[in-house]
Amino acid sequence: MEFDDQYSQVQSPKYDCLLFDLDDTLYPRSSGLEASVLKNIKAYMVEKLGIEEGKIPDLCNLLYINYGTTMAGLRAIGYDFDYDEYHSFVHGRLPYENLKPDPVLRGHLLSLPIRKVIFTNADKVHAIKVLNRLGLEECFEGIICFDTLNPTHKSTASDDEDDAEFLGKKIPQSCCANGSTVIFDIIGHFSQPDATSSGLPKTPIVCKPSESAIERALKIGNIDPYRTLFFEDSVRNIQSGKRLGLDTVLVGKSQRVKGADYAVENIHNLREAIPELREVEKLANVDYSSGVTVVETSVTA
C-alpha cells in the first residue's frame, strides 16, 4: 500500500516537457554575448547591406519591435541575403570564451527525468557552440532553431500549403531602373501621422515571438503545450507562448509579468521556484519493479 501511494503521487506529473530558450536564458546576460550580437548586426547592415550608419539605431529598433528580430525585419522590408552568411557574420565573432561550464545547471537538468528541448531563434551552429561551452550538450533531446523553422532560403512563397502558411504573402516590390529592389522605408512609414503596423510588408522568416512559429515548433517537436513548461527571457515570447497554452517561466526577472506563470532571477533556481518540478524529480527516485521501455522522440534541426 505504501508503494502504491508513492506510485500514484508521481506517475502523472503536470509536465512532460521543458522547453528552453537559449541565449540569456541558460546563461546570464552579463556574459556579453548579447551586446556583441547587436554590434555585429549593425556592422553587417553597414558593410554587407550598405545601410547608412546614421539610420541603424532607429532602423534596428523598428525592425525588432515589429518583426521580433532584426534579421526578419530586414528580409521583410526587401533586403535579400544569404542566411548562413548572416549568421556566420553575426555569431562567428562572439566572445564564446566568456561562457563557462555550468555543472550546477547540468545537475538540475539531468535530475529531471522528462523531455528537455531547446527552442531558439539562433542558428544551429551557434546553439551547439553555446551548449558545448556550458557543458550542457547532453542535457537536451534536441534543438529547434532557425534552421528547423527556415530550412531553405526562400524569397517567394511556394505552391506548397505549409510554405504558404508560414511564409505569409509575398512582399510587394518594384524595381529601380538599374534593376535593384526598392526597399520599404519603415522609418518614413512610422514618421507619418497615425502610422500603424497593419500596412507593413510580411517577412518570409519564421521566428519567435510569432505564434505561428511557436505552433510550428511544437508540431515539429511533438510537444503538448498543455503539459509543457516554457523558459524564456523575452516577455514577448512568454506572452505568445502563454496564448498557445504553454505554462511559462520568465528568466532573469524576480517579478512576474502578464503571461508569466513563474519568474526566476537565475536559471539555477528553477527547482526551488517551481514546485511542480520537485514532483517530476520524484520520478527518478521510484523503483519500478515491472519493466518499462522508454522511447525518446528526437528533434531534428
C-alpha atoms as a PDB file:
ATOM      1  CA  MET A   1       0.000   0.000   0.000  1.00  0.00           C
ATOM      2  CA  GLU A   2       2.833   2.383   0.829  1.00  0.00           C
ATOM      3  CA  PHE A   3       4.387   1.745  -2.593  1.00  0.00           C
ATOM      4  CA  ASP A   4       1.019   2.200  -4.316  1.00  0.00           C
ATOM      5  CA  ASP A   5       0.564   5.584  -2.633  1.00  0.00           C
ATOM      6  CA  GLN A   6       4.040   6.668  -3.676  1.00  0.00           C
ATOM      7  CA  TYR A   7       3.467   5.485  -7.226  1.00  0.00           C
ATOM      8  CA  SER A   8       0.142   7.298  -7.554  1.00  0.00           C
ATOM      9  CA  GLN A   9       1.746  10.552  -6.441  1.00  0.00           C
ATOM     10  CA  VAL A  10       4.472  10.561  -9.072  1.00  0.00           C
ATOM     11  CA  GLN A  11       3.201   8.645 -12.086  1.00  0.00           C
ATOM     12  CA  SER A  12       1.439  11.649 -13.647  1.00  0.00           C
ATOM     13  CA  PRO A  13       3.453  14.831 -13.199  1.00  0.00           C
ATOM     14  CA  LYS A  14       1.969  18.058 -14.511  1.00  0.00           C
ATOM     15  CA  TYR A  15       4.736  18.483 -17.095  1.00  0.00           C
ATOM     16  CA  ASP A  16       6.242  16.009 -19.522  1.00  0.00           C
ATOM     17  CA  CYS A  17       8.444  18.504 -21.392  1.00  0.00           C
ATOM     18  CA  LEU A  18      10.618  21.506 -20.573  1.00  0.00           C
ATOM     19  CA  LEU A  19      11.120  23.913 -23.489  1.00  0.00           C
ATOM     20  CA  PHE A  20      14.099  26.255 -23.101  1.00  0.00           C
ATOM     21  CA  ASP A  21      15.161  29.362 -24.924  1.00  0.00           C
ATOM     22  CA  LEU A  22      18.955  29.534 -25.260  1.00  0.00           C
ATOM     23  CA  ASP A  23      20.591  32.971 -25.171  1.00  0.00           C
ATOM     24  CA  ASP A  24      20.231  34.982 -21.945  1.00  0.00           C
ATOM     25  CA  THR A  25      18.148  32.115 -20.545  1.00  0.00           C
ATOM     26  CA  LEU A  26      20.649  29.300 -19.964  1.00  0.00           C
ATOM     27  CA  TYR A  27      23.400  31.810 -19.195  1.00  0.00           C
ATOM     28  CA  PRO A  28      23.305  35.364 -17.756  1.00  0.00           C
ATOM     29  CA  ARG A  29      23.150  38.475 -19.897  1.00  0.00           C
ATOM     30  CA  SER A  30      26.327  39.663 -18.176  1.00  0.00           C
ATOM     31  CA  SER A  31      28.285  37.250 -20.408  1.00  0.00           C
ATOM     32  CA  GLY A  32      28.423  39.992 -23.030  1.00  0.00           C
ATOM     33  CA  LEU A  33      27.209  37.873 -25.956  1.00  0.00           C
ATOM     34  CA  GLU A  34      24.058  39.921 -26.482  1.00  0.00           C
ATOM     35  CA  ALA A  35      25.992  43.195 -26.758  1.00  0.00           C
ATOM     36  CA  SER A  36      28.374  41.586 -29.249  1.00  0.00           C
ATOM     37  CA  VAL A  37      25.489  40.227 -31.329  1.00  0.00           C
ATOM     38  CA  LEU A  38      23.959  43.691 -31.593  1.00  0.00           C
ATOM     39  CA  LYS A  39      27.307  45.210 -32.541  1.00  0.00           C
ATOM     40  CA  ASN A  40      27.826  42.571 -35.253  1.00  0.00           C
ATOM     41  CA  ILE A  41      24.304  43.023 -36.636  1.00  0.00           C
ATOM     42  CA  LYS A  42      24.901  46.741 -37.035  1.00  0.00           C
ATOM     43  CA  ALA A  43      28.250  46.083 -38.729  1.00  0.00           C
ATOM     44  CA  TYR A  44      26.593  43.626 -41.140  1.00  0.00           C
ATOM     45  CA  MET A  45      23.949  46.181 -42.054  1.00  0.00           C
ATOM     46  CA  VAL A  46      26.600  48.756 -42.913  1.00  0.00           C
ATOM     47  CA  GLU A  47      29.245  46.528 -44.522  1.00  0.00           C
ATOM     48  CA  LYS A  48      27.091  43.983 -46.339  1.00  0.00           C
ATOM     49  CA  LEU A  49      23.800  45.774 -46.994  1.00  0.00           C
ATOM     50  CA  GLY A  50      25.104  49.299 -47.484  1.00  0.00           C
ATOM     51  CA  ILE A  51      22.753  50.906 -44.968  1.00  0.00           C
ATOM     52  CA  GLU A  52      23.727  54.364 -43.760  1.00  0.00           C
ATOM     53  CA  GLU A  53      25.241  54.135 -40.287  1.00  0.00           C
ATOM     54  CA  GLY A  54      23.181  57.066 -39.016  1.00  0.00           C
ATOM     55  CA  LYS A  55      19.944  55.177 -39.747  1.00  0.00           C
ATOM     56  CA  ILE A  56      20.969  51.989 -37.953  1.00  0.00           C
ATOM     57  CA  PRO A  57      19.705  52.718 -34.402  1.00  0.00           C
ATOM     58  CA  ASP A  58      16.188  53.740 -35.464  1.00  0.00           C
ATOM     59  CA  LEU A  59      16.016  51.000 -38.091  1.00  0.00           C
ATOM     60  CA  CYS A  60      17.115  48.254 -35.696  1.00  0.00           C
ATOM     61  CA  ASN A  61      14.604  49.414 -33.115  1.00  0.00           C
ATOM     62  CA  LEU A  62      11.681  49.457 -35.546  1.00  0.00           C
ATOM     63  CA  LEU A  63      12.584  46.085 -37.073  1.00  0.00           C
ATOM     64  CA  TYR A  64      12.924  44.417 -33.683  1.00  0.00           C
ATOM     65  CA  ILE A  65       9.649  45.862 -32.390  1.00  0.00           C
ATOM     66  CA  ASN A  66       7.629  44.930 -35.474  1.00  0.00           C
ATOM     67  CA  TYR A  67       9.246  41.655 -36.585  1.00  0.00           C
ATOM     68  CA  GLY A  68      10.750  40.052 -33.497  1.00  0.00           C
ATOM     69  CA  THR A  69      14.305  40.010 -34.853  1.00  0.00           C
ATOM     70  CA  THR A  70      16.319  42.459 -36.929  1.00  0.00           C
ATOM     71  CA  MET A  71      17.030  39.701 -39.445  1.00  0.00           C
ATOM     72  CA  ALA A  72      13.330  39.001 -40.008  1.00  0.00           C
ATOM     73  CA  GLY A  73      12.671  42.710 -40.384  1.00  0.00           C
ATOM     74  CA  LEU A  74      15.461  43.218 -42.918  1.00  0.00           C
ATOM     75  CA  ARG A  75      14.008  40.489 -45.120  1.00  0.00           C
ATOM     76  CA  ALA A  76      10.531  41.931 -44.753  1.00  0.00           C
ATOM     77  CA  ILE A  77      11.454  45.386 -45.993  1.00  0.00           C
ATOM     78  CA  GLY A  78      13.242  43.994 -49.036  1.00  0.00           C
ATOM     79  CA  TYR A  79      16.854  43.142 -48.265  1.00  0.00           C
ATOM     80  CA  ASP A  80      17.952  39.796 -49.688  1.00  0.00           C
ATOM     81  CA  PHE A  81      20.964  37.986 -48.272  1.00  0.00           C
ATOM     82  CA  ASP A  82      22.270  34.529 -47.547  1.00  0.00           C
ATOM     83  CA  TYR A  83      21.078  33.299 -44.155  1.00  0.00           C
ATOM     84  CA  ASP A  84      24.202  31.267 -43.451  1.00  0.00           C
ATOM     85  CA  GLU A  85      26.432  34.224 -44.297  1.00  0.00           C
ATOM     86  CA  TYR A  86      24.412  36.448 -41.976  1.00  0.00           C
ATOM     87  CA  HIS A  87      24.669  34.009 -39.070  1.00  0.00           C
ATOM     88  CA  SER A  88      28.362  33.440 -39.699  1.00  0.00           C
ATOM     89  CA  PHE A  89      28.994  37.197 -39.624  1.00  0.00           C
ATOM     90  CA  VAL A  90      26.832  37.873 -36.563  1.00  0.00           C
ATOM     91  CA  HIS A  91      27.736  34.818 -34.468  1.00  0.00           C
ATOM     92  CA  GLY A  92      31.170  33.980 -35.834  1.00  0.00           C
ATOM     93  CA  ARG A  93      32.916  36.689 -33.839  1.00  0.00           C
ATOM     94  CA  LEU A  94      31.213  36.298 -30.459  1.00  0.00           C
ATOM     95  CA  PRO A  95      33.205  36.013 -27.199  1.00  0.00           C
ATOM     96  CA  TYR A  96      32.191  32.400 -26.564  1.00  0.00           C
ATOM     97  CA  GLU A  97      35.136  32.142 -24.185  1.00  0.00           C
ATOM     98  CA  ASN A  98      33.026  34.168 -21.719  1.00  0.00           C
ATOM     99  CA  LEU A  99      30.746  31.149 -21.306  1.00  0.00           C
ATOM    100  CA  LYS A 100      31.962  28.675 -18.708  1.00  0.00           C
ATOM    101  CA  PRO A 101      30.818  25.127 -17.884  1.00  0.00           C
ATOM    102  CA  ASP A 102      27.799  25.176 -15.568  1.00  0.00           C
ATOM    103  CA  PRO A 103      27.808  21.946 -13.516  1.00  0.00           C
ATOM    104  CA  VAL A 104      25.021  23.236 -11.248  1.00  0.00           C
ATOM    105  CA  LEU A 105      22.570  23.713 -14.109  1.00  0.00           C
ATOM    106  CA  ARG A 106      23.720  20.476 -15.699  1.00  0.00           C
ATOM    107  CA  GLY A 107      22.940  18.625 -12.469  1.00  0.00           C
ATOM    108  CA  HIS A 108      19.493  20.216 -12.218  1.00  0.00           C
ATOM    109  CA  LEU A 109      18.615  19.301 -15.803  1.00  0.00           C
ATOM    110  CA  LEU A 110      19.843  15.723 -15.587  1.00  0.00           C
ATOM    111  CA  SER A 111      17.902  15.182 -12.363  1.00  0.00           C
ATOM    112  CA  LEU A 112      14.606  15.878 -14.148  1.00  0.00           C
ATOM    113  CA  PRO A 113      13.563  12.674 -15.976  1.00  0.00           C
ATOM    114  CA  ILE A 114      11.376  14.301 -18.629  1.00  0.00           C
ATOM    115  CA  ARG A 115      11.941  15.673 -22.117  1.00  0.00           C
ATOM    116  CA  LYS A 116      14.039  18.816 -22.417  1.00  0.00           C
ATOM    117  CA  VAL A 117      14.224  20.708 -25.730  1.00  0.00           C
ATOM    118  CA  ILE A 118      15.966  23.901 -26.871  1.00  0.00           C
ATOM    119  CA  PHE A 119      13.869  26.408 -28.872  1.00  0.00           C
ATOM    120  CA  THR A 120      15.907  29.355 -30.156  1.00  0.00           C
ATOM    121  CA  ASN A 121      15.769  31.932 -32.943  1.00  0.00           C
ATOM    122  CA  ALA A 122      19.519  31.446 -33.417  1.00  0.00           C
ATOM    123  CA  ASP A 123      21.088  29.077 -35.943  1.00  0.00           C
ATOM    124  CA  LYS A 124      22.127  25.530 -35.086  1.00  0.00           C
ATOM    125  CA  VAL A 125      25.873  26.199 -35.225  1.00  0.00           C
ATOM    126  CA  HIS A 126      25.550  28.919 -32.579  1.00  0.00           C
ATOM    127  CA  ALA A 127      23.255  26.810 -30.397  1.00  0.00           C
ATOM    128  CA  ILE A 128      25.680  23.876 -30.390  1.00  0.00           C
ATOM    129  CA  LYS A 129      28.628  26.140 -29.552  1.00  0.00           C
ATOM    130  CA  VAL A 130      26.764  27.634 -26.593  1.00  0.00           C
ATOM    131  CA  LEU A 131      25.647  24.265 -25.231  1.00  0.00           C
ATOM    132  CA  ASN A 132      29.157  22.861 -25.576  1.00  0.00           C
ATOM    133  CA  ARG A 133      30.691  25.833 -23.758  1.00  0.00           C
ATOM    134  CA  LEU A 134      28.161  25.449 -20.934  1.00  0.00           C
ATOM    135  CA  GLY A 135      28.704  21.690 -20.742  1.00  0.00           C
ATOM    136  CA  LEU A 136      25.001  21.083 -21.419  1.00  0.00           C
ATOM    137  CA  GLU A 137      25.204  19.321 -24.772  1.00  0.00           C
ATOM    138  CA  GLU A 138      23.960  16.008 -23.291  1.00  0.00           C
ATOM    139  CA  CYS A 139      21.080  17.533 -21.348  1.00  0.00           C
ATOM    140  CA  PHE A 140      18.674  18.101 -24.240  1.00  0.00           C
ATOM    141  CA  GLU A 141      16.808  15.786 -26.522  1.00  0.00           C
ATOM    142  CA  GLY A 142      17.106  18.157 -29.440  1.00  0.00           C
ATOM    143  CA  ILE A 143      17.318  21.694 -30.779  1.00  0.00           C
ATOM    144  CA  ILE A 144      14.551  23.570 -32.581  1.00  0.00           C
ATOM    145  CA  CYS A 145      16.266  26.577 -34.131  1.00  0.00           C
ATOM    146  CA  PHE A 146      16.315  28.969 -37.082  1.00  0.00           C
ATOM    147  CA  ASP A 147      17.388  26.155 -39.410  1.00  0.00           C
ATOM    148  CA  THR A 148      14.471  23.992 -38.249  1.00  0.00           C
ATOM    149  CA  LEU A 149      11.838  26.630 -38.950  1.00  0.00           C
ATOM    150  CA  ASN A 150      13.544  28.072 -42.042  1.00  0.00           C
ATOM    151  CA  PRO A 151      15.063  25.035 -43.792  1.00  0.00           C
ATOM    152  CA  THR A 152      15.753  26.826 -47.070  1.00  0.00           C
ATOM    153  CA  HIS A 153      16.270  30.406 -48.198  1.00  0.00           C
ATOM    154  CA  LYS A 154      13.032  31.243 -49.987  1.00  0.00           C
ATOM    155  CA  SER A 155      12.432  34.675 -51.435  1.00  0.00           C
ATOM    156  CA  THR A 156       8.949  33.819 -52.636  1.00  0.00           C
ATOM    157  CA  ALA A 157       6.150  31.644 -51.374  1.00  0.00           C
ATOM    158  CA  SER A 158       5.897  28.201 -52.938  1.00  0.00           C
ATOM    159  CA  ASP A 159       2.770  26.424 -54.009  1.00  0.00           C
ATOM    160  CA  ASP A 160       3.036  24.091 -51.030  1.00  0.00           C
ATOM    161  CA  GLU A 161       0.337  24.886 -48.470  1.00  0.00           C
ATOM    162  CA  ASP A 162       2.677  24.596 -45.490  1.00  0.00           C
ATOM    163  CA  ASP A 163       5.152  27.003 -47.073  1.00  0.00           C
ATOM    164  CA  ALA A 164       2.404  29.476 -47.853  1.00  0.00           C
ATOM    165  CA  GLU A 165       1.017  29.272 -44.338  1.00  0.00           C
ATOM    166  CA  PHE A 166       4.283  30.174 -42.669  1.00  0.00           C
ATOM    167  CA  LEU A 167       5.852  32.437 -45.290  1.00  0.00           C
ATOM    168  CA  GLY A 168       2.888  34.776 -45.477  1.00  0.00           C
ATOM    169  CA  LYS A 169       2.205  36.891 -48.517  1.00  0.00           C
ATOM    170  CA  LYS A 170       4.975  37.901 -50.876  1.00  0.00           C
ATOM    171  CA  ILE A 171       6.460  41.348 -50.241  1.00  0.00           C
ATOM    172  CA  PRO A 172       5.189  43.872 -52.770  1.00  0.00           C
ATOM    173  CA  GLN A 173       8.297  45.009 -54.620  1.00  0.00           C
ATOM    174  CA  SER A 174       9.182  47.180 -57.556  1.00  0.00           C
ATOM    175  CA  CYS A 175      12.490  47.732 -59.244  1.00  0.00           C
ATOM    176  CA  CYS A 176      14.537  50.777 -59.982  1.00  0.00           C
ATOM    177  CA  ALA A 177      15.897  51.492 -63.450  1.00  0.00           C
ATOM    178  CA  ASN A 178      19.151  49.738 -62.555  1.00  0.00           C
ATOM    179  CA  GLY A 179      17.292  46.581 -61.539  1.00  0.00           C
ATOM    180  CA  SER A 180      17.790  46.898 -57.802  1.00  0.00           C
ATOM    181  CA  THR A 181      14.933  46.141 -55.429  1.00  0.00           C
ATOM    182  CA  VAL A 182      13.157  49.069 -53.801  1.00  0.00           C
ATOM    183  CA  ILE A 183      13.468  48.904 -50.016  1.00  0.00           C
ATOM    184  CA  PHE A 184      10.386  49.646 -47.942  1.00  0.00           C
ATOM    185  CA  ASP A 185      11.062  52.806 -45.912  1.00  0.00           C
ATOM    186  CA  ILE A 186       9.907  51.693 -42.477  1.00  0.00           C
ATOM    187  CA  ILE A 187      11.399  54.764 -40.785  1.00  0.00           C
ATOM    188  CA  GLY A 188       9.475  57.027 -43.149  1.00  0.00           C
ATOM    189  CA  HIS A 189       6.356  54.917 -42.653  1.00  0.00           C
ATOM    190  CA  PHE A 190       6.342  55.427 -38.901  1.00  0.00           C
ATOM    191  CA  SER A 191       7.165  59.123 -39.226  1.00  0.00           C
ATOM    192  CA  GLN A 192       3.715  59.636 -40.744  1.00  0.00           C
ATOM    193  CA  PRO A 193       0.817  60.714 -38.503  1.00  0.00           C
ATOM    194  CA  ASP A 194      -1.311  57.806 -37.252  1.00  0.00           C
ATOM    195  CA  ALA A 195       1.028  55.215 -38.809  1.00  0.00           C
ATOM    196  CA  THR A 196       0.383  51.629 -37.693  1.00  0.00           C
ATOM    197  CA  SER A 197       1.994  48.256 -38.252  1.00  0.00           C
ATOM    198  CA  SER A 198      -1.006  46.986 -40.223  1.00  0.00           C
ATOM    199  CA  GLY A 199       0.403  48.164 -43.534  1.00  0.00           C
ATOM    200  CA  LEU A 200       3.859  46.658 -43.112  1.00  0.00           C
ATOM    201  CA  PRO A 201       5.181  44.008 -45.520  1.00  0.00           C
ATOM    202  CA  LYS A 202       5.355  40.442 -44.235  1.00  0.00           C
ATOM    203  CA  THR A 203       8.587  38.628 -43.531  1.00  0.00           C
ATOM    204  CA  PRO A 204       9.417  35.233 -45.058  1.00  0.00           C
ATOM    205  CA  ILE A 205      11.331  34.321 -41.872  1.00  0.00           C
ATOM    206  CA  VAL A 206       9.618  32.208 -39.223  1.00  0.00           C
ATOM    207  CA  CYS A 207      10.727  33.128 -35.692  1.00  0.00           C
ATOM    208  CA  LYS A 208       9.572  33.947 -32.172  1.00  0.00           C
ATOM    209  CA  PRO A 209       7.534  35.822 -30.989  1.00  0.00           C
ATOM    210  CA  SER A 210       5.249  34.836 -33.881  1.00  0.00           C
ATOM    211  CA  GLU A 211       2.594  32.459 -32.610  1.00  0.00           C
ATOM    212  CA  SER A 212       2.770  30.545 -35.882  1.00  0.00           C
ATOM    213  CA  ALA A 213       6.494  29.956 -35.253  1.00  0.00           C
ATOM    214  CA  ILE A 214       5.799  28.579 -31.780  1.00  0.00           C
ATOM    215  CA  GLU A 215       2.967  26.417 -33.095  1.00  0.00           C
ATOM    216  CA  ARG A 216       5.242  25.035 -35.786  1.00  0.00           C
ATOM    217  CA  ALA A 217       7.981  24.305 -33.246  1.00  0.00           C
ATOM    218  CA  LEU A 218       5.516  22.432 -31.029  1.00  0.00           C
ATOM    219  CA  LYS A 219       4.339  20.393 -34.015  1.00  0.00           C
ATOM    220  CA  ILE A 220       7.886  19.551 -35.120  1.00  0.00           C
ATOM    221  CA  GLY A 221       8.870  18.524 -31.601  1.00  0.00           C
ATOM    222  CA  ASN A 222       5.626  16.617 -30.961  1.00  0.00           C
ATOM    223  CA  ILE A 223       5.188  18.759 -27.855  1.00  0.00           C
ATOM    224  CA  ASP A 224       1.889  19.121 -25.989  1.00  0.00           C
ATOM    225  CA  PRO A 225       1.661  22.794 -24.946  1.00  0.00           C
ATOM    226  CA  TYR A 226      -0.650  21.951 -22.046  1.00  0.00           C
ATOM    227  CA  ARG A 227       1.974  19.692 -20.472  1.00  0.00           C
ATOM    228  CA  THR A 228       4.998  21.860 -21.217  1.00  0.00           C
ATOM    229  CA  LEU A 229       6.875  24.490 -19.225  1.00  0.00           C
ATOM    230  CA  PHE A 230       8.423  27.218 -21.405  1.00  0.00           C
ATOM    231  CA  PHE A 231      11.550  29.053 -20.139  1.00  0.00           C
ATOM    232  CA  GLU A 232      12.286  32.438 -21.765  1.00  0.00           C
ATOM    233  CA  ASP A 233      13.976  35.760 -21.040  1.00  0.00           C
ATOM    234  CA  SER A 234      11.773  37.633 -23.539  1.00  0.00           C
ATOM    235  CA  VAL A 235       8.446  38.961 -22.254  1.00  0.00           C
ATOM    236  CA  ARG A 236       7.001  38.995 -25.794  1.00  0.00           C
ATOM    237  CA  ASN A 237       7.927  35.363 -26.358  1.00  0.00           C
ATOM    238  CA  ILE A 238       6.496  34.430 -22.966  1.00  0.00           C
ATOM    239  CA  GLN A 239       3.199  36.094 -23.794  1.00  0.00           C
ATOM    240  CA  SER A 240       2.961  34.433 -27.219  1.00  0.00           C
ATOM    241  CA  GLY A 241       3.638  31.043 -25.652  1.00  0.00           C
ATOM    242  CA  LYS A 242       1.040  31.629 -22.960  1.00  0.00           C
ATOM    243  CA  ARG A 243      -1.626  32.395 -25.547  1.00  0.00           C
ATOM    244  CA  LEU A 244      -0.939  28.972 -27.081  1.00  0.00           C
ATOM    245  CA  GLY A 245      -1.433  27.132 -23.801  1.00  0.00           C
ATOM    246  CA  LEU A 246       2.142  26.841 -22.519  1.00  0.00           C
ATOM    247  CA  ASP A 247       2.925  27.389 -18.857  1.00  0.00           C
ATOM    248  CA  THR A 248       5.700  29.953 -18.776  1.00  0.00           C
ATOM    249  CA  VAL A 249       8.780  30.920 -16.773  1.00  0.00           C
ATOM    250  CA  LEU A 250      10.295  34.380 -17.198  1.00  0.00           C
ATOM    251  CA  VAL A 251      14.052  34.018 -16.650  1.00  0.00           C
ATOM    252  CA  GLY A 252      16.234  36.884 -15.432  1.00  0.00           C
ATOM    253  CA  LYS A 253      13.487  38.689 -13.517  1.00  0.00           C
ATOM    254  CA  SER A 254      12.310  38.341  -9.941  1.00  0.00           C
ATOM    255  CA  GLN A 255       8.779  39.630 -10.631  1.00  0.00           C
ATOM    256  CA  ARG A 256       6.178  38.008 -12.835  1.00  0.00           C
ATOM    257  CA  VAL A 257       4.628  39.951 -15.696  1.00  0.00           C
ATOM    258  CA  LYS A 258       1.442  39.368 -17.659  1.00  0.00           C
ATOM    259  CA  GLY A 259       1.740  35.995 -19.361  1.00  0.00           C
ATOM    260  CA  ALA A 260       4.351  34.581 -16.970  1.00  0.00           C
ATOM    261  CA  ASP A 261       3.292  31.855 -14.550  1.00  0.00           C
ATOM    262  CA  TYR A 262       6.651  31.970 -12.789  1.00  0.00           C
ATOM    263  CA  ALA A 263       9.685  34.234 -12.626  1.00  0.00           C
ATOM    264  CA  VAL A 264      13.226  33.166 -11.718  1.00  0.00           C
ATOM    265  CA  GLU A 265      16.069  35.647 -11.451  1.00  0.00           C
ATOM    266  CA  ASN A 266      18.574  32.885 -12.124  1.00  0.00           C
ATOM    267  CA  ILE A 267      18.025  29.657 -14.058  1.00  0.00           C
ATOM    268  CA  HIS A 268      19.730  27.812 -11.184  1.00  0.00           C
ATOM    269  CA  ASN A 269      16.615  28.474  -9.098  1.00  0.00           C
ATOM    270  CA  LEU A 270      14.230  26.593 -11.357  1.00  0.00           C
ATOM    271  CA  ARG A 271      13.525  23.711  -8.966  1.00  0.00           C
ATOM    272  CA  GLU A 272      13.084  25.901  -5.905  1.00  0.00           C
ATOM    273  CA  ALA A 273      10.787  28.364  -7.681  1.00  0.00           C
ATOM    274  CA  ILE A 274       8.585  25.802  -9.424  1.00  0.00           C
ATOM    275  CA  PRO A 275       7.019  23.216  -7.061  1.00  0.00           C
ATOM    276  CA  GLU A 276       5.827  21.014  -9.933  1.00  0.00           C
ATOM    277  CA  LEU A 277       9.427  20.269 -10.906  1.00  0.00           C
ATOM    278  CA  ARG A 278      10.051  18.757  -7.493  1.00  0.00           C
ATOM    279  CA  GLU A 279       7.209  16.343  -8.228  1.00  0.00           C
ATOM    280  CA  VAL A 280       8.839  15.490 -11.549  1.00  0.00           C
ATOM    281  CA  GLU A 281      12.126  14.818  -9.768  1.00  0.00           C
ATOM    282  CA  LYS A 282      10.436  12.157  -7.608  1.00  0.00           C
ATOM    283  CA  LEU A 283      10.137  10.034 -10.749  1.00  0.00           C
ATOM    284  CA  ALA A 284      13.876   9.436 -10.644  1.00  0.00           C
ATOM    285  CA  ASN A 285      13.637   8.072  -7.097  1.00  0.00           C
ATOM    286  CA  VAL A 286      10.949   5.452  -7.696  1.00  0.00           C
ATOM    287  CA  ASP A 287      11.997   1.858  -8.328  1.00  0.00           C
ATOM    288  CA  TYR A 288       9.525   0.367 -10.784  1.00  0.00           C
ATOM    289  CA  SER A 289       9.574  -3.428 -10.481  1.00  0.00           C
ATOM    290  CA  SER A 290       7.961  -4.008 -13.855  1.00  0.00           C
ATOM    291  CA  GLY A 291       9.966  -3.381 -16.997  1.00  0.00           C
ATOM    292  CA  VAL A 292       9.320  -0.107 -18.721  1.00  0.00           C
ATOM    293  CA  THR A 293      10.595   0.781 -22.155  1.00  0.00           C
ATOM    294  CA  VAL A 294      11.369   4.442 -22.705  1.00  0.00           C
ATOM    295  CA  VAL A 295      11.220   5.673 -26.280  1.00  0.00           C
ATOM    296  CA  GLU A 296      12.870   9.016 -26.996  1.00  0.00           C
ATOM    297  CA  THR A 297      11.469  11.295 -29.676  1.00  0.00           C
ATOM    298  CA  SER A 298      14.280  13.049 -31.465  1.00  0.00           C
ATOM    299  CA  VAL A 299      14.020  16.619 -32.677  1.00  0.00           C
ATOM    300  CA  THR A 300      15.947  17.338 -35.827  1.00  0.00           C
ATOM    301  CA  ALA A 301      17.220  20.769 -36.752  1.00  0.00           C
END
